[in-house]
Protein backbone atom coordinates (compact mmCIF):
# COMPACT_ATOMS: atom_id res chain seq x y z
CA MET A 1 2.60 15.99 7.95
CA PRO A 2 4.01 13.10 5.94
CA ARG A 3 3.65 10.97 8.34
CA MET A 4 -0.29 11.31 7.85
CA LEU A 5 0.17 11.28 4.19
CA TYR A 6 0.91 7.71 5.26
CA ASP A 7 -1.48 7.21 7.19
CA TYR A 8 -3.97 8.59 5.07
CA THR A 9 -2.45 5.75 2.12
CA ARG A 10 -2.88 2.84 4.53
CA THR A 11 -6.83 3.80 5.41
CA LYS A 12 -7.22 4.40 1.54
CA LEU A 13 -5.34 0.42 0.59
CA GLU A 14 -7.87 -0.90 3.16
CA GLN A 15 -11.05 0.55 2.43
CA VAL A 16 -9.95 -0.34 -1.81
CA SER A 17 -8.63 -3.61 -1.55
CA PHE A 18 -12.43 -5.74 -2.07
CA ASP A 19 -10.76 -4.29 -5.26
CA GLN A 20 -8.17 -5.48 -6.71
CA ALA A 21 -7.67 -2.78 -9.81
CA LEU A 22 -8.07 -0.01 -6.86
CA PHE A 23 -5.91 -1.40 -5.22
CA CYS A 24 -3.39 -1.40 -7.52
CA LYS A 25 -3.81 1.83 -8.53
CA GLU A 26 -3.63 3.93 -5.25
CA LEU A 27 -0.62 1.66 -4.89
CA ARG A 28 1.35 3.73 -7.43
CA LYS A 29 -0.35 7.10 -5.50
CA ALA A 30 1.78 6.57 -2.41
CA SER A 31 4.71 5.44 -4.41
CA LYS A 32 5.24 8.54 -5.87
CA SER A 33 3.79 10.32 -3.27
CA LEU A 34 5.69 8.31 0.13
CA LEU A 35 9.01 8.74 0.92
CA PRO A 36 11.40 6.13 0.86
CA TYR A 37 11.88 5.10 4.11
CA GLU A 38 8.34 5.41 4.61
CA ILE A 39 7.84 2.65 1.89
CA GLU A 40 9.76 0.86 3.53
CA GLN A 41 6.88 0.26 6.37
CA LEU A 42 4.29 0.04 3.42
CA HIS A 43 6.54 -2.53 2.20
CA LYS A 44 6.87 -4.02 5.62
CA TRP A 45 2.29 -3.05 6.59
CA LEU A 46 1.77 -4.87 2.46
CA GLN A 47 3.33 -7.91 3.63
CA ASN A 48 1.44 -8.51 6.53
CA PHE A 49 -2.40 -6.92 6.01
CA THR A 50 -1.83 -10.07 2.40
CA ASN A 51 -1.43 -12.72 4.09
CA HIS A 52 -4.90 -13.84 4.53
CA LYS A 53 -4.95 -11.58 0.74
CA PRO A 54 -3.08 -13.55 -1.99
CA GLU A 55 -5.19 -12.20 -4.01
CA LEU A 56 -2.82 -9.33 -3.60
CA GLN A 57 0.08 -10.26 -2.71
CA GLN A 58 1.32 -10.02 -6.31
CA TYR A 59 0.98 -6.02 -6.12
CA LEU A 60 3.55 -5.97 -3.20
CA GLN A 61 6.35 -5.64 -6.15
CA LEU A 62 5.24 -2.69 -6.40
CA VAL A 63 6.67 -0.76 -3.45
CA LYS A 64 9.65 -2.14 -3.88
């Protein structure tokens, strides 16, 4: 079940990446609901995802 939450979080972040405020809001929710190892995975995924979206790189610190 937790894997489903991680996958949902990634999908949701991709969907709201056009709006920085929504992206930040979803990251904050994810950091409260995901398990520690899932947060590490999400951080790695975010590093890759934000390579082409520099405006979102500032939010990486929310997931540490």
